[in-house]
Amino acid sequence: MRQVPRFLSWRLLGSLLLLASTTPALAQNDLLNELEAKVDSSQAPDITQATFKGTHIINSQSIETPGEGTLLFLIQHRFGTLNSGAYNFFGLDQAVLRLSFEYGLNDRLALGIGRSSQEKTFDGFVKYRALRQSSGPRAMPISVTLLASSALTSLRFREAERTTRTRLTYTYQALIARKFSPALSVQLMPTLIHRNFVETRRDQNDVYALGAAVRQKITKRLALTADYFYLLPGATADDTRNALGLGVDIETGGHVFQLHFTNAQGMIEKFFVPQTTGNFFDGDIYFGFNVSRAFTVKSR
């Protein structure tokens, strides 16, 4: 029988020993990688979802954004005041309308554009979710969304000096919310309205307000909502009223249908924060609704 040379035997033995030592090491590395992945997953915070069901509450915007790749089409409608009498069919003969689109560039950043029949106003805004409420490791107790918007009235004025600059109004808000339970959500809204043009010296270019909103879920598809904006002391607070809204949210598949009663007819911050004149408790109540529909533009 032919014998294998001794140096080949030693080489074969060395290769077998190397293979035997490498296989457990590879298995050990795979096990460590799997354990690290599980640890990383367990340390990820659990983001709170659906603090509010829509991007708007009643008058105010909520902390919510459409989400990455989602286009939201929103119809907002306000009739006249209920105390306008039977001749105006208790406000149903009078109405203003706003149509808008909102798009989520990602889960934190959204852009929006809209057009209101009131003063023939175009508006645009950007929303950024700076903080998101979460539980678990590195828990965050609140959500914070930053909002900046501008509005341009295209109404024809007799004054020749009403340039484009004088037609602009800007809004800056911090939307601060917490979902206390699956049924209860609360939001605070420090607000600054800057108007490039005011009618008199008494009027304020800068108007400050503090808003608050609440959502109380009643059933799986029904919730009660309310929002209120308190004007900080000044000429605007003396001459106008605080905006108050009461409403109902109804979820129907891909739609969120919102019915509400409010003393503010305008549906963007430029109108309902510094220009509300109706007294809610005297019957200056506008009935209205918001309807939204979401479309997936880009799949994740």
C-alpha atoms as a PDB file:
ATOM      1  CA  MET A   1       0.000   0.000   0.000  1.00  0.00           C
ATOM      2  CA  ARG A   2       1.273   3.428  -0.951  1.00  0.00           C
ATOM      3  CA  GLN A   3       1.865   5.674   2.051  1.00  0.00           C
ATOM      4  CA  VAL A   4       1.049   9.355   2.211  1.00  0.00           C
ATOM      5  CA  PRO A   5       4.191  11.458   2.690  1.00  0.00           C
ATOM      6  CA  ARG A   6       4.675  12.579   6.289  1.00  0.00           C
ATOM      7  CA  PHE A   7       4.696  16.320   5.474  1.00  0.00           C
ATOM      8  CA  LEU A   8       1.314  15.932   3.685  1.00  0.00           C
ATOM      9  CA  SER A   9      -0.122  14.173   6.723  1.00  0.00           C
ATOM     10  CA  TRP A  10       0.924  17.023   8.989  1.00  0.00           C
ATOM     11  CA  ARG A  11      -0.534  19.576   6.533  1.00  0.00           C
ATOM     12  CA  LEU A  12      -3.856  17.708   6.392  1.00  0.00           C
ATOM     13  CA  LEU A  13      -3.980  17.490  10.166  1.00  0.00           C
ATOM     14  CA  GLY A  14      -3.293  21.251  10.494  1.00  0.00           C
ATOM     15  CA  SER A  15      -6.065  22.078   8.032  1.00  0.00           C
ATOM     16  CA  LEU A  16      -8.555  19.943   9.953  1.00  0.00           C
ATOM     17  CA  LEU A  17      -7.589  21.605  13.250  1.00  0.00           C
ATOM     18  CA  LEU A  18      -7.926  25.096  11.690  1.00  0.00           C
ATOM     19  CA  LEU A  19     -11.364  24.234  10.284  1.00  0.00           C
ATOM     20  CA  ALA A  20     -12.491  22.826  13.603  1.00  0.00           C
ATOM     21  CA  SER A  21     -11.393  25.977  15.463  1.00  0.00           C
ATOM     22  CA  THR A  22     -12.938  28.375  12.880  1.00  0.00           C
ATOM     23  CA  THR A  23     -16.433  26.838  12.746  1.00  0.00           C
ATOM     24  CA  PRO A  24     -17.277  27.446  16.455  1.00  0.00           C
ATOM     25  CA  ALA A  25     -15.909  31.004  16.141  1.00  0.00           C
ATOM     26  CA  LEU A  26     -18.195  31.739  13.208  1.00  0.00           C
ATOM     27  CA  ALA A  27     -21.165  30.268  15.048  1.00  0.00           C
ATOM     28  CA  GLN A  28     -20.277  32.325  18.111  1.00  0.00           C
ATOM     29  CA  ASN A  29     -20.086  35.529  16.011  1.00  0.00           C
ATOM     30  CA  ASP A  30     -23.521  34.814  14.488  1.00  0.00           C
ATOM     31  CA  LEU A  31     -24.938  34.287  17.969  1.00  0.00           C
ATOM     32  CA  LEU A  32     -23.408  37.545  19.230  1.00  0.00           C
ATOM     33  CA  ASN A  33     -24.789  39.480  16.251  1.00  0.00           C
ATOM     34  CA  GLU A  34     -28.246  38.058  16.882  1.00  0.00           C
ATOM     35  CA  LEU A  35     -28.093  38.949  20.559  1.00  0.00           C
ATOM     36  CA  GLU A  36     -26.926  42.505  19.740  1.00  0.00           C
ATOM     37  CA  ALA A  37     -29.821  42.925  17.313  1.00  0.00           C
ATOM     38  CA  LYS A  38     -32.269  41.810  19.995  1.00  0.00           C
ATOM     39  CA  VAL A  39     -30.739  44.219  22.516  1.00  0.00           C
ATOM     40  CA  ASP A  40     -30.918  47.105  20.029  1.00  0.00           C
ATOM     41  CA  SER A  41     -34.548  46.254  19.276  1.00  0.00           C
ATOM     42  CA  SER A  42     -35.456  46.120  22.968  1.00  0.00           C
ATOM     43  CA  GLN A  43     -33.820  49.515  23.534  1.00  0.00           C
ATOM     44  CA  ALA A  44     -35.796  51.257  20.756  1.00  0.00           C
ATOM     45  CA  PRO A  45     -38.525  53.571  22.124  1.00  0.00           C
ATOM     46  CA  ASP A  46     -42.170  52.766  21.408  1.00  0.00           C
ATOM     47  CA  ILE A  47     -43.555  55.800  19.501  1.00  0.00           C
ATOM     48  CA  THR A  48     -47.067  56.869  20.530  1.00  0.00           C
ATOM     49  CA  GLN A  49     -49.448  56.724  17.585  1.00  0.00           C
ATOM     50  CA  ALA A  50     -52.666  58.633  16.722  1.00  0.00           C
ATOM     51  CA  THR A  51     -52.566  61.317  19.399  1.00  0.00           C
ATOM     52  CA  PHE A  52     -55.166  62.970  17.137  1.00  0.00           C
ATOM     53  CA  LYS A  53     -56.919  61.291  14.212  1.00  0.00           C
ATOM     54  CA  GLY A  54     -56.437  64.143  11.758  1.00  0.00           C
ATOM     55  CA  THR A  55     -53.965  66.881  10.928  1.00  0.00           C
ATOM     56  CA  HIS A  56     -56.617  69.413  12.072  1.00  0.00           C
ATOM     57  CA  ILE A  57     -58.678  69.421  15.259  1.00  0.00           C
ATOM     58  CA  ILE A  58     -61.349  72.098  14.665  1.00  0.00           C
ATOM     59  CA  ASN A  59     -59.824  75.498  13.994  1.00  0.00           C
ATOM     60  CA  SER A  60     -56.319  74.488  14.951  1.00  0.00           C
ATOM     61  CA  GLN A  61     -53.827  72.142  13.381  1.00  0.00           C
ATOM     62  CA  SER A  62     -52.746  69.094  15.368  1.00  0.00           C
ATOM     63  CA  ILE A  63     -49.275  67.646  15.893  1.00  0.00           C
ATOM     64  CA  GLU A  64     -50.025  64.984  13.279  1.00  0.00           C
ATOM     65  CA  THR A  65     -48.550  64.930   9.756  1.00  0.00           C
ATOM     66  CA  PRO A  66     -49.663  62.776   6.809  1.00  0.00           C
ATOM     67  CA  GLY A  67     -46.676  60.422   6.983  1.00  0.00           C
ATOM     68  CA  GLU A  68     -43.995  59.708   4.416  1.00  0.00           C
ATOM     69  CA  GLY A  69     -45.251  59.535   0.849  1.00  0.00           C
ATOM     70  CA  THR A  70     -48.871  60.306   1.785  1.00  0.00           C
ATOM     71  CA  LEU A  71     -50.902  63.061   0.122  1.00  0.00           C
ATOM     72  CA  LEU A  72     -53.847  64.393   2.110  1.00  0.00           C
ATOM     73  CA  PHE A  73     -56.722  66.230   0.436  1.00  0.00           C
ATOM     74  CA  LEU A  74     -58.732  68.335   2.888  1.00  0.00           C
ATOM     75  CA  ILE A  75     -62.092  70.074   2.428  1.00  0.00           C
ATOM     76  CA  GLN A  76     -63.067  72.596   5.119  1.00  0.00           C
ATOM     77  CA  HIS A  77     -66.499  74.212   5.023  1.00  0.00           C
ATOM     78  CA  ARG A  78     -68.187  76.814   7.239  1.00  0.00           C
ATOM     79  CA  PHE A  79     -71.770  78.001   6.927  1.00  0.00           C
ATOM     80  CA  GLY A  80     -73.137  81.288   8.281  1.00  0.00           C
ATOM     81  CA  THR A  81     -74.163  81.898  11.893  1.00  0.00           C
ATOM     82  CA  LEU A  82     -77.052  79.962  13.388  1.00  0.00           C
ATOM     83  CA  ASN A  83     -78.631  83.207  14.649  1.00  0.00           C
ATOM     84  CA  SER A  84     -78.817  84.702  11.127  1.00  0.00           C
ATOM     85  CA  GLY A  85     -82.469  83.676  11.009  1.00  0.00           C
ATOM     86  CA  ALA A  86     -84.834  81.610   8.899  1.00  0.00           C
ATOM     87  CA  TYR A  87     -84.432  83.901   5.871  1.00  0.00           C
ATOM     88  CA  ASN A  88     -80.784  82.709   5.574  1.00  0.00           C
ATOM     89  CA  PHE A  89     -81.853  79.181   6.548  1.00  0.00           C
ATOM     90  CA  PHE A  90     -79.972  79.614   9.822  1.00  0.00           C
ATOM     91  CA  GLY A  91     -76.676  80.138   8.062  1.00  0.00           C
ATOM     92  CA  LEU A  92     -76.888  77.416   5.422  1.00  0.00           C
ATOM     93  CA  ASP A  93     -77.336  80.014   2.657  1.00  0.00           C
ATOM     94  CA  GLN A  94     -73.963  81.539   3.539  1.00  0.00           C
ATOM     95  CA  ALA A  95     -70.698  79.654   3.417  1.00  0.00           C
ATOM     96  CA  VAL A  96     -66.927  79.877   3.056  1.00  0.00           C
ATOM     97  CA  LEU A  97     -64.687  77.098   1.817  1.00  0.00           C
ATOM     98  CA  ARG A  98     -61.046  76.061   2.027  1.00  0.00           C
ATOM     99  CA  LEU A  99     -59.393  73.367  -0.105  1.00  0.00           C
ATOM    100  CA  SER A 100     -55.900  72.161   0.692  1.00  0.00           C
ATOM    101  CA  PHE A 101     -53.267  69.513   0.030  1.00  0.00           C
ATOM    102  CA  GLU A 102     -50.749  68.238   2.574  1.00  0.00           C
ATOM    103  CA  TYR A 103     -47.842  65.965   1.743  1.00  0.00           C
ATOM    104  CA  GLY A 104     -45.453  64.061   4.009  1.00  0.00           C
ATOM    105  CA  LEU A 105     -41.864  64.288   2.762  1.00  0.00           C
ATOM    106  CA  ASN A 106     -40.998  61.853   5.560  1.00  0.00           C
ATOM    107  CA  ASP A 107     -42.461  60.838   8.913  1.00  0.00           C
ATOM    108  CA  ARG A 108     -41.395  64.135  10.492  1.00  0.00           C
ATOM    109  CA  LEU A 109     -41.643  66.798   7.787  1.00  0.00           C
ATOM    110  CA  ALA A 110     -44.762  67.854   5.863  1.00  0.00           C
ATOM    111  CA  LEU A 111     -45.695  70.660   3.475  1.00  0.00           C
ATOM    112  CA  GLY A 112     -49.131  72.083   2.747  1.00  0.00           C
ATOM    113  CA  ILE A 113     -50.888  74.542   0.453  1.00  0.00           C
ATOM    114  CA  GLY A 114     -54.462  75.809   0.530  1.00  0.00           C
ATOM    115  CA  ARG A 115     -56.926  78.313  -0.828  1.00  0.00           C
ATOM    116  CA  SER A 116     -59.786  79.935   1.113  1.00  0.00           C
ATOM    117  CA  SER A 117     -62.761  81.728  -0.399  1.00  0.00           C
ATOM    118  CA  GLN A 118     -62.586  84.191   2.504  1.00  0.00           C
ATOM    119  CA  GLU A 119     -60.630  87.202   1.205  1.00  0.00           C
ATOM    120  CA  LYS A 120     -59.558  84.917  -1.672  1.00  0.00           C
ATOM    121  CA  THR A 121     -56.604  83.808   0.420  1.00  0.00           C
ATOM    122  CA  PHE A 122     -53.777  81.465  -0.565  1.00  0.00           C
ATOM    123  CA  ASP A 123     -51.756  79.857   2.223  1.00  0.00           C
ATOM    124  CA  GLY A 124     -48.799  77.558   2.608  1.00  0.00           C
ATOM    125  CA  PHE A 125     -47.154  75.923   5.607  1.00  0.00           C
ATOM    126  CA  VAL A 126     -44.430  73.608   6.800  1.00  0.00           C
ATOM    127  CA  LYS A 127     -44.741  71.272   9.801  1.00  0.00           C
ATOM    128  CA  TYR A 128     -41.870  69.499  11.519  1.00  0.00           C
ATOM    129  CA  ARG A 129     -42.261  66.879  14.259  1.00  0.00           C
ATOM    130  CA  ALA A 130     -39.361  67.868  16.496  1.00  0.00           C
ATOM    131  CA  LEU A 131     -40.242  65.475  19.339  1.00  0.00           C
ATOM    132  CA  ARG A 132     -42.479  62.407  19.435  1.00  0.00           C
ATOM    133  CA  GLN A 133     -44.054  60.983  22.566  1.00  0.00           C
ATOM    134  CA  SER A 134     -42.758  57.507  23.346  1.00  0.00           C
ATOM    135  CA  SER A 135     -42.504  54.897  26.084  1.00  0.00           C
ATOM    136  CA  GLY A 136     -39.784  52.425  26.973  1.00  0.00           C
ATOM    137  CA  PRO A 137     -36.052  53.267  26.912  1.00  0.00           C
ATOM    138  CA  ARG A 138     -35.332  56.987  26.476  1.00  0.00           C
ATOM    139  CA  ALA A 139     -39.056  57.707  26.856  1.00  0.00           C
ATOM    140  CA  MET A 140     -40.376  61.115  25.746  1.00  0.00           C
ATOM    141  CA  PRO A 141     -43.428  62.375  27.711  1.00  0.00           C
ATOM    142  CA  ILE A 142     -44.709  64.798  25.040  1.00  0.00           C
ATOM    143  CA  SER A 143     -44.847  65.412  21.314  1.00  0.00           C
ATOM    144  CA  VAL A 144     -43.775  68.760  19.829  1.00  0.00           C
ATOM    145  CA  THR A 145     -44.510  69.833  16.258  1.00  0.00           C
ATOM    146  CA  LEU A 146     -43.283  73.167  14.914  1.00  0.00           C
ATOM    147  CA  LEU A 147     -45.485  75.025  12.419  1.00  0.00           C
ATOM    148  CA  ALA A 148     -44.691  78.009  10.210  1.00  0.00           C
ATOM    149  CA  SER A 149     -47.180  79.326   7.676  1.00  0.00           C
ATOM    150  CA  SER A 150     -47.883  82.320   5.476  1.00  0.00           C
ATOM    151  CA  ALA A 151     -51.103  83.636   3.954  1.00  0.00           C
ATOM    152  CA  LEU A 152     -51.580  85.941   0.982  1.00  0.00           C
ATOM    153  CA  THR A 153     -54.896  87.650   0.303  1.00  0.00           C
ATOM    154  CA  SER A 154     -55.683  88.220  -3.389  1.00  0.00           C
ATOM    155  CA  LEU A 155     -58.779  90.300  -2.695  1.00  0.00           C
ATOM    156  CA  ARG A 156     -59.016  93.484  -4.759  1.00  0.00           C
ATOM    157  CA  PHE A 157     -58.536  96.594  -2.632  1.00  0.00           C
ATOM    158  CA  ARG A 158     -59.160 100.188  -3.589  1.00  0.00           C
ATOM    159  CA  GLU A 159     -55.975 101.342  -1.868  1.00  0.00           C
ATOM    160  CA  ALA A 160     -53.209 101.617  -4.424  1.00  0.00           C
ATOM    161  CA  GLU A 161     -50.560 101.061  -1.742  1.00  0.00           C
ATOM    162  CA  ARG A 162     -51.657  97.482  -1.045  1.00  0.00           C
ATOM    163  CA  THR A 163     -48.583  95.829  -2.491  1.00  0.00           C
ATOM    164  CA  THR A 164     -47.862  92.101  -2.272  1.00  0.00           C
ATOM    165  CA  ARG A 165     -45.886  92.662   0.913  1.00  0.00           C
ATOM    166  CA  THR A 166     -48.840  94.334   2.646  1.00  0.00           C
ATOM    167  CA  ARG A 167     -51.054  91.372   1.769  1.00  0.00           C
ATOM    168  CA  LEU A 168     -48.936  88.841   3.673  1.00  0.00           C
ATOM    169  CA  THR A 169     -49.523  87.423   7.159  1.00  0.00           C
ATOM    170  CA  TYR A 170     -47.232  84.958   8.952  1.00  0.00           C
ATOM    171  CA  THR A 171     -47.938  82.407  11.693  1.00  0.00           C
ATOM    172  CA  TYR A 172     -45.505  80.640  14.021  1.00  0.00           C
ATOM    173  CA  GLN A 173     -46.653  77.922  16.427  1.00  0.00           C
ATOM    174  CA  ALA A 174     -45.292  75.251  18.726  1.00  0.00           C
ATOM    175  CA  LEU A 175     -47.827  72.422  19.007  1.00  0.00           C
ATOM    176  CA  ILE A 176     -47.220  70.582  22.281  1.00  0.00           C
ATOM    177  CA  ALA A 177     -49.329  67.477  22.924  1.00  0.00           C
ATOM    178  CA  ARG A 178     -49.626  64.452  25.166  1.00  0.00           C
ATOM    179  CA  LYS A 179     -51.746  61.338  24.799  1.00  0.00           C
ATOM    180  CA  PHE A 180     -52.632  60.594  28.404  1.00  0.00           C
ATOM    181  CA  SER A 181     -54.550  57.399  27.589  1.00  0.00           C
ATOM    182  CA  PRO A 182     -55.956  55.629  24.512  1.00  0.00           C
ATOM    183  CA  ALA A 183     -59.014  57.888  24.892  1.00  0.00           C
ATOM    184  CA  LEU A 184     -57.663  61.293  26.026  1.00  0.00           C
ATOM    185  CA  SER A 185     -55.288  63.659  24.202  1.00  0.00           C
ATOM    186  CA  VAL A 186     -54.450  67.286  25.059  1.00  0.00           C
ATOM    187  CA  GLN A 187     -52.565  69.921  23.068  1.00  0.00           C
ATOM    188  CA  LEU A 188     -51.201  73.394  23.886  1.00  0.00           C
ATOM    189  CA  MET A 189     -50.382  75.934  21.160  1.00  0.00           C
ATOM    190  CA  PRO A 190     -48.306  79.066  21.861  1.00  0.00           C
ATOM    191  CA  THR A 191     -48.939  81.221  18.788  1.00  0.00           C
ATOM    192  CA  LEU A 192     -47.533  84.337  17.113  1.00  0.00           C
ATOM    193  CA  ILE A 193     -49.347  86.040  14.233  1.00  0.00           C
ATOM    194  CA  HIS A 194     -47.421  88.738  12.343  1.00  0.00           C
ATOM    195  CA  ARG A 195     -49.410  91.001  10.005  1.00  0.00           C
ATOM    196  CA  ASN A 196     -47.438  93.153   7.596  1.00  0.00           C
ATOM    197  CA  PHE A 197     -50.380  95.530   7.274  1.00  0.00           C
ATOM    198  CA  VAL A 198     -52.923  96.752   9.838  1.00  0.00           C
ATOM    199  CA  GLU A 199     -55.713  99.270   9.323  1.00  0.00           C
ATOM    200  CA  THR A 200     -54.910 101.717  12.173  1.00  0.00           C
ATOM    201  CA  ARG A 201     -52.077 102.646  14.500  1.00  0.00           C
ATOM    202  CA  ARG A 202     -54.001 101.010  17.335  1.00  0.00           C
ATOM    203  CA  ASP A 203     -53.993  97.616  15.642  1.00  0.00           C
ATOM    204  CA  GLN A 204     -51.149  95.229  16.445  1.00  0.00           C
ATOM    205  CA  ASN A 205     -48.803  93.876  13.826  1.00  0.00           C
ATOM    206  CA  ASP A 206     -47.781  91.110  16.227  1.00  0.00           C
ATOM    207  CA  VAL A 207     -50.563  89.196  17.988  1.00  0.00           C
ATOM    208  CA  TYR A 208     -49.778  86.602  20.652  1.00  0.00           C
ATOM    209  CA  ALA A 209     -52.172  83.862  21.729  1.00  0.00           C
ATOM    210  CA  LEU A 210     -52.200  80.608  23.674  1.00  0.00           C
ATOM    211  CA  GLY A 211     -54.319  77.817  22.276  1.00  0.00           C
ATOM    212  CA  ALA A 212     -55.515  74.608  23.896  1.00  0.00           C
ATOM    213  CA  ALA A 213     -57.260  71.574  22.429  1.00  0.00           C
ATOM    214  CA  VAL A 214     -58.617  68.280  23.746  1.00  0.00           C
ATOM    215  CA  ARG A 215     -59.843  65.045  22.183  1.00  0.00           C
ATOM    216  CA  GLN A 216     -61.894  62.538  24.174  1.00  0.00           C
ATOM    217  CA  LYS A 217     -62.598  59.223  22.458  1.00  0.00           C
ATOM    218  CA  ILE A 218     -66.112  57.863  23.068  1.00  0.00           C
ATOM    219  CA  THR A 219     -66.192  54.759  20.880  1.00  0.00           C
ATOM    220  CA  LYS A 220     -63.831  53.098  18.403  1.00  0.00           C
ATOM    221  CA  ARG A 221     -64.901  55.513  15.639  1.00  0.00           C
ATOM    222  CA  LEU A 222     -66.327  58.490  17.549  1.00  0.00           C
ATOM    223  CA  ALA A 223     -64.577  61.224  19.554  1.00  0.00           C
ATOM    224  CA  LEU A 224     -65.469  64.632  21.028  1.00  0.00           C
ATOM    225  CA  THR A 225     -63.104  67.552  20.386  1.00  0.00           C
ATOM    226  CA  ALA A 226     -62.681  71.161  21.481  1.00  0.00           C
ATOM    227  CA  ASP A 227     -60.171  73.947  20.906  1.00  0.00           C
ATOM    228  CA  TYR A 228     -59.812  77.477  22.271  1.00  0.00           C
ATOM    229  CA  PHE A 229     -57.443  80.371  21.629  1.00  0.00           C
ATOM    230  CA  TYR A 230     -56.838  82.944  24.344  1.00  0.00           C
ATOM    231  CA  LEU A 231     -55.550  86.288  23.049  1.00  0.00           C
ATOM    232  CA  LEU A 232     -52.902  87.838  25.257  1.00  0.00           C
ATOM    233  CA  PRO A 233     -53.776  91.360  26.480  1.00  0.00           C
ATOM    234  CA  GLY A 234     -53.557  94.086  23.862  1.00  0.00           C
ATOM    235  CA  ALA A 235     -55.614  96.036  21.358  1.00  0.00           C
ATOM    236  CA  THR A 236     -56.550  92.888  19.416  1.00  0.00           C
ATOM    237  CA  ALA A 237     -57.836  91.177  22.555  1.00  0.00           C
ATOM    238  CA  ASP A 238     -59.879  94.283  23.386  1.00  0.00           C
ATOM    239  CA  ASP A 239     -61.472  94.546  19.934  1.00  0.00           C
ATOM    240  CA  THR A 240     -62.076  90.871  19.056  1.00  0.00           C
ATOM    241  CA  ARG A 241     -63.025  87.614  20.778  1.00  0.00           C
ATOM    242  CA  ASN A 242     -61.276  84.383  21.593  1.00  0.00           C
ATOM    243  CA  ALA A 243     -61.973  81.563  19.133  1.00  0.00           C
ATOM    244  CA  LEU A 244     -63.866  78.605  20.595  1.00  0.00           C
ATOM    245  CA  GLY A 245     -64.794  75.380  18.817  1.00  0.00           C
ATOM    246  CA  LEU A 246     -66.684  72.225  19.805  1.00  0.00           C
ATOM    247  CA  GLY A 247     -66.806  69.212  17.535  1.00  0.00           C
ATOM    248  CA  VAL A 248     -67.211  65.518  16.806  1.00  0.00           C
ATOM    249  CA  ASP A 249     -64.751  63.284  14.924  1.00  0.00           C
ATOM    250  CA  ILE A 250     -66.174  60.364  12.938  1.00  0.00           C
ATOM    251  CA  GLU A 251     -63.842  57.772  11.388  1.00  0.00           C
ATOM    252  CA  THR A 252     -65.156  56.045   8.256  1.00  0.00           C
ATOM    253  CA  GLY A 253     -62.500  53.894   6.606  1.00  0.00           C
ATOM    254  CA  GLY A 254     -60.044  56.120   4.760  1.00  0.00           C
ATOM    255  CA  HIS A 255     -61.967  59.265   5.739  1.00  0.00           C
ATOM    256  CA  VAL A 256     -62.017  61.365   8.901  1.00  0.00           C
ATOM    257  CA  PHE A 257     -65.267  63.346   9.017  1.00  0.00           C
ATOM    258  CA  GLN A 258     -65.279  66.235  11.504  1.00  0.00           C
ATOM    259  CA  LEU A 259     -68.431  68.174  12.452  1.00  0.00           C
ATOM    260  CA  HIS A 260     -68.060  71.310  14.559  1.00  0.00           C
ATOM    261  CA  PHE A 261     -69.583  74.494  15.944  1.00  0.00           C
ATOM    262  CA  THR A 262     -67.393  77.577  16.380  1.00  0.00           C
ATOM    263  CA  ASN A 263     -67.571  81.362  16.614  1.00  0.00           C
ATOM    264  CA  ALA A 264     -64.794  81.710  14.004  1.00  0.00           C
ATOM    265  CA  GLN A 265     -65.609  81.567  10.320  1.00  0.00           C
ATOM    266  CA  GLY A 266     -62.039  81.642   8.997  1.00  0.00           C
ATOM    267  CA  MET A 267     -60.179  78.332   8.785  1.00  0.00           C
ATOM    268  CA  ILE A 268     -56.537  79.424   8.919  1.00  0.00           C
ATOM    269  CA  GLU A 269     -54.657  81.098  11.769  1.00  0.00           C
ATOM    270  CA  LYS A 270     -54.656  84.503  10.044  1.00  0.00           C
ATOM    271  CA  PHE A 271     -58.449  84.615  10.457  1.00  0.00           C
ATOM    272  CA  PHE A 272     -59.471  82.710  13.564  1.00  0.00           C
ATOM    273  CA  VAL A 273     -56.753  83.939  15.948  1.00  0.00           C
ATOM    274  CA  PRO A 274     -56.807  87.758  15.526  1.00  0.00           C
ATOM    275  CA  GLN A 275     -60.069  88.328  13.596  1.00  0.00           C
ATOM    276  CA  THR A 276     -62.809  86.398  15.416  1.00  0.00           C
ATOM    277  CA  THR A 277     -65.703  88.731  16.290  1.00  0.00           C
ATOM    278  CA  GLY A 278     -68.580  86.333  17.009  1.00  0.00           C
ATOM    279  CA  ASN A 279     -69.866  85.694  20.525  1.00  0.00           C
ATOM    280  CA  PHE A 280     -70.363  81.947  20.864  1.00  0.00           C
ATOM    281  CA  PHE A 281     -72.841  82.289  23.733  1.00  0.00           C
ATOM    282  CA  ASP A 282     -74.962  84.876  21.898  1.00  0.00           C
ATOM    283  CA  GLY A 283     -75.540  82.486  19.009  1.00  0.00           C
ATOM    284  CA  ASP A 284     -72.783  83.708  16.682  1.00  0.00           C
ATOM    285  CA  ILE A 285     -72.035  80.088  15.907  1.00  0.00           C
ATOM    286  CA  TYR A 286     -70.821  78.790  12.557  1.00  0.00           C
ATOM    287  CA  PHE A 287     -71.628  75.169  11.784  1.00  0.00           C
ATOM    288  CA  GLY A 288     -69.043  73.476   9.618  1.00  0.00           C
ATOM    289  CA  PHE A 289     -67.178  70.331   8.747  1.00  0.00           C
ATOM    290  CA  ASN A 290     -63.774  69.009   7.687  1.00  0.00           C
ATOM    291  CA  VAL A 291     -63.389  66.002   5.397  1.00  0.00           C
ATOM    292  CA  SER A 292     -60.002  64.487   4.607  1.00  0.00           C
ATOM    293  CA  ARG A 293     -58.889  61.747   2.261  1.00  0.00           C
ATOM    294  CA  ALA A 294     -55.414  60.209   2.194  1.00  0.00           C
ATOM    295  CA  PHE A 295     -53.663  58.922  -0.948  1.00  0.00           C
ATOM    296  CA  THR A 296     -50.439  56.909  -1.032  1.00  0.00           C
ATOM    297  CA  VAL A 297     -48.127  58.588  -3.538  1.00  0.00           C
ATOM    298  CA  LYS A 298     -44.891  56.781  -2.674  1.00  0.00           C
ATOM    299  CA  SER A 299     -44.715  53.352  -1.065  1.00  0.00           C
ATOM    300  CA  ARG A 300     -42.227  52.907   1.735  1.00  0.00           C
END
